[in-house]
Amino acid sequence: MKLSDIMGFANLAIYAEVAMVLFLLVFVAIAVRLWLPGSQQDLQEAARLPLDDDPTPAATPRGSTHGR
């Protein structure tokens, strides 16, 4: 019996189909997130981060002791 016969009987094709659907869903979610009207300001701020000489630190949640 060949390896291809054994793999064919294992019915593993469903995993490739599930992975493709998950990839498509994540891709669409990211595309929608990027094209939402409110995300333009966030994208512009993120684009300027490497060029800022003195970047402002991100806001820390209340009760966080990080940075103190």
N, C-alpha and C. Protein backbone atom coordinates (compact mmCIF):
# COMPACT_ATOMS: atom_id res chain seq x y z
N MET A 1 0.85 -1.18 0.00
CA MET A 1 0.00 0.00 0.00
C MET A 1 0.89 1.24 0.00
N LYS A 2 0.57 2.22 -0.82
CA LYS A 2 1.35 3.45 -0.94
C LYS A 2 0.95 4.45 0.15
N LEU A 3 1.86 5.36 0.40
CA LEU A 3 1.58 6.41 1.37
C LEU A 3 0.42 7.28 0.91
N SER A 4 0.34 7.54 -0.39
CA SER A 4 -0.77 8.36 -0.89
C SER A 4 -2.12 7.69 -0.66
N ASP A 5 -2.17 6.35 -0.71
CA ASP A 5 -3.40 5.64 -0.42
C ASP A 5 -3.79 5.79 1.05
N ILE A 6 -2.81 5.68 1.92
CA ILE A 6 -3.07 5.81 3.35
C ILE A 6 -3.56 7.22 3.68
N MET A 7 -2.91 8.24 3.11
CA MET A 7 -3.31 9.62 3.36
C MET A 7 -4.68 9.91 2.75
N GLY A 8 -4.98 9.28 1.64
CA GLY A 8 -6.29 9.46 1.01
C GLY A 8 -7.41 8.90 1.86
N PHE A 9 -7.16 7.79 2.52
CA PHE A 9 -8.18 7.19 3.38
C PHE A 9 -8.35 7.94 4.70
N ALA A 10 -7.38 8.77 5.05
CA ALA A 10 -7.45 9.49 6.33
C ALA A 10 -8.42 10.67 6.28
N ASN A 11 -8.84 11.08 5.10
CA ASN A 11 -9.79 12.20 4.95
C ASN A 11 -9.30 13.47 5.63
N LEU A 12 -8.09 13.88 5.32
CA LEU A 12 -7.51 15.07 5.93
C LEU A 12 -7.81 16.34 5.14
N ALA A 13 -8.53 16.25 4.06
CA ALA A 13 -8.82 17.43 3.23
C ALA A 13 -9.65 18.46 3.97
N ILE A 14 -10.44 18.04 4.93
CA ILE A 14 -11.30 18.96 5.68
C ILE A 14 -10.46 19.99 6.44
N TYR A 15 -9.28 19.61 6.89
CA TYR A 15 -8.43 20.55 7.62
C TYR A 15 -7.97 21.69 6.72
N ALA A 16 -7.64 21.40 5.50
CA ALA A 16 -7.25 22.46 4.56
C ALA A 16 -8.41 23.40 4.29
N GLU A 17 -9.61 22.85 4.17
CA GLU A 17 -10.78 23.68 3.91
C GLU A 17 -11.11 24.57 5.11
N VAL A 18 -11.02 24.02 6.30
CA VAL A 18 -11.27 24.80 7.51
C VAL A 18 -10.22 25.90 7.65
N ALA A 19 -8.97 25.59 7.39
CA ALA A 19 -7.91 26.59 7.48
C ALA A 19 -8.13 27.71 6.47
N MET A 20 -8.59 27.38 5.27
CA MET A 20 -8.85 28.40 4.26
C MET A 20 -9.99 29.32 4.68
N VAL A 21 -11.04 28.75 5.25
CA VAL A 21 -12.17 29.56 5.71
C VAL A 21 -11.73 30.48 6.85
N LEU A 22 -10.96 29.96 7.80
CA LEU A 22 -10.46 30.79 8.91
C LEU A 22 -9.58 31.92 8.39
N PHE A 23 -8.70 31.62 7.46
CA PHE A 23 -7.84 32.65 6.89
C PHE A 23 -8.67 33.72 6.21
N LEU A 24 -9.67 33.32 5.45
CA LEU A 24 -10.52 34.28 4.75
C LEU A 24 -11.27 35.17 5.74
N LEU A 25 -11.78 34.58 6.82
CA LEU A 25 -12.49 35.37 7.84
C LEU A 25 -11.58 36.39 8.51
N VAL A 26 -10.37 35.98 8.84
CA VAL A 26 -9.42 36.90 9.47
C VAL A 26 -9.02 38.00 8.49
N PHE A 27 -8.79 37.65 7.24
CA PHE A 27 -8.43 38.63 6.23
C PHE A 27 -9.54 39.67 6.05
N VAL A 28 -10.78 39.22 5.98
CA VAL A 28 -11.90 40.15 5.83
C VAL A 28 -12.05 41.02 7.07
N ALA A 29 -11.87 40.46 8.25
CA ALA A 29 -11.97 41.24 9.48
C ALA A 29 -10.91 42.32 9.53
N ILE A 30 -9.69 42.01 9.13
CA ILE A 30 -8.63 43.02 9.12
C ILE A 30 -8.91 44.09 8.08
N ALA A 31 -9.37 43.68 6.90
CA ALA A 31 -9.69 44.65 5.85
C ALA A 31 -10.81 45.59 6.29
N VAL A 32 -11.84 45.06 6.94
CA VAL A 32 -12.94 45.90 7.42
C VAL A 32 -12.43 46.85 8.48
N ARG A 33 -11.59 46.36 9.36
CA ARG A 33 -11.05 47.21 10.44
C ARG A 33 -10.23 48.36 9.87
N LEU A 34 -9.48 48.10 8.82
CA LEU A 34 -8.65 49.15 8.21
C LEU A 34 -9.47 50.18 7.47
N TRP A 35 -10.60 49.79 6.91
CA TRP A 35 -11.38 50.71 6.09
C TRP A 35 -12.52 51.37 6.84
N LEU A 36 -12.63 51.14 8.15
CA LEU A 36 -13.65 51.84 8.92
C LEU A 36 -13.32 53.33 8.98
N PRO A 37 -14.33 54.18 8.98
CA PRO A 37 -14.08 55.63 8.96
C PRO A 37 -13.27 56.13 10.15
N GLY A 38 -13.43 55.58 11.32
CA GLY A 38 -12.73 56.06 12.51
C GLY A 38 -11.28 55.63 12.62
N SER A 39 -10.83 54.73 11.78
CA SER A 39 -9.48 54.21 11.92
C SER A 39 -8.43 55.06 11.22
N GLN A 40 -8.84 56.06 10.47
CA GLN A 40 -7.88 56.89 9.73
C GLN A 40 -6.92 57.60 10.69
N GLN A 41 -7.41 58.15 11.77
CA GLN A 41 -6.56 58.85 12.73
C GLN A 41 -5.57 57.88 13.38
N ASP A 42 -6.03 56.71 13.75
CA ASP A 42 -5.14 55.71 14.35
C ASP A 42 -4.04 55.29 13.39
N LEU A 43 -4.39 55.12 12.12
CA LEU A 43 -3.40 54.73 11.13
C LEU A 43 -2.36 55.83 10.90
N GLN A 44 -2.80 57.08 10.90
CA GLN A 44 -1.86 58.18 10.72
C GLN A 44 -0.91 58.30 11.91
N GLU A 45 -1.44 58.11 13.12
CA GLU A 45 -0.57 58.16 14.31
C GLU A 45 0.44 57.03 14.29
N ALA A 46 0.02 55.84 13.91
CA ALA A 46 0.92 54.70 13.85
C ALA A 46 1.97 54.89 12.76
N ALA A 47 1.61 55.54 11.68
CA ALA A 47 2.56 55.77 10.59
C ALA A 47 3.63 56.77 11.00
N ARG A 48 3.31 57.69 11.90
CA ARG A 48 4.28 58.70 12.33
C ARG A 48 5.17 58.22 13.47
N LEU A 49 4.87 57.12 14.11
CA LEU A 49 5.63 56.66 15.27
C LEU A 49 7.14 56.51 15.00
N PRO A 50 7.57 55.91 13.90
CA PRO A 50 9.01 55.77 13.70
C PRO A 50 9.73 57.11 13.50
N LEU A 51 9.00 58.15 13.14
CA LEU A 51 9.62 59.44 12.86
C LEU A 51 9.60 60.39 14.04
N ASP A 52 8.82 60.08 15.05
CA ASP A 52 8.72 60.96 16.22
C ASP A 52 10.00 60.90 17.04
N ASP A 53 10.52 62.10 17.40
CA ASP A 53 11.70 62.15 18.25
C ASP A 53 11.34 61.86 19.70
N ASP A 54 10.23 62.36 20.15
CA ASP A 54 9.80 62.17 21.53
C ASP A 54 8.38 61.63 21.54
N PRO A 55 8.22 60.32 21.33
CA PRO A 55 6.86 59.77 21.29
C PRO A 55 6.21 59.81 22.67
N THR A 56 4.94 60.08 22.69
CA THR A 56 4.22 60.07 23.96
C THR A 56 3.90 58.62 24.32
N PRO A 57 4.08 58.25 25.57
CA PRO A 57 3.80 56.86 25.96
C PRO A 57 2.31 56.58 25.88
N ALA A 58 1.99 55.34 25.63
CA ALA A 58 0.59 54.92 25.57
C ALA A 58 -0.03 55.04 26.95
N ALA A 59 -1.30 55.32 26.98
CA ALA A 59 -2.00 55.44 28.25
C ALA A 59 -2.01 54.10 28.97
N THR A 60 -1.72 54.13 30.26
CA THR A 60 -1.75 52.90 31.05
C THR A 60 -3.11 52.77 31.71
N PRO A 61 -3.60 51.56 31.86
CA PRO A 61 -4.90 51.38 32.51
C PRO A 61 -4.84 51.81 33.97
N ARG A 62 -5.98 52.16 34.50
CA ARG A 62 -6.04 52.57 35.92
C ARG A 62 -5.60 51.42 36.81
N GLY A 63 -4.88 51.77 37.84
CA GLY A 63 -4.43 50.77 38.79
C GLY A 63 -3.15 50.08 38.35
N SER A 64 -2.65 50.41 37.18
CA SER A 64 -1.42 49.78 36.70
C SER A 64 -0.23 50.45 37.37
N THR A 65 0.72 49.65 37.80
CA THR A 65 1.92 50.20 38.43
C THR A 65 3.08 50.20 37.47
N HIS A 66 2.83 49.87 36.22
CA HIS A 66 3.89 49.83 35.20
C HIS A 66 4.42 51.24 34.97
N GLY A 67 5.70 51.42 35.07
CA GLY A 67 6.32 52.71 34.79
C GLY A 67 6.35 53.63 35.98
N ARG A 68 5.99 53.16 37.16
CA ARG A 68 6.03 54.02 38.36
C ARG A 68 7.11 53.58 39.29
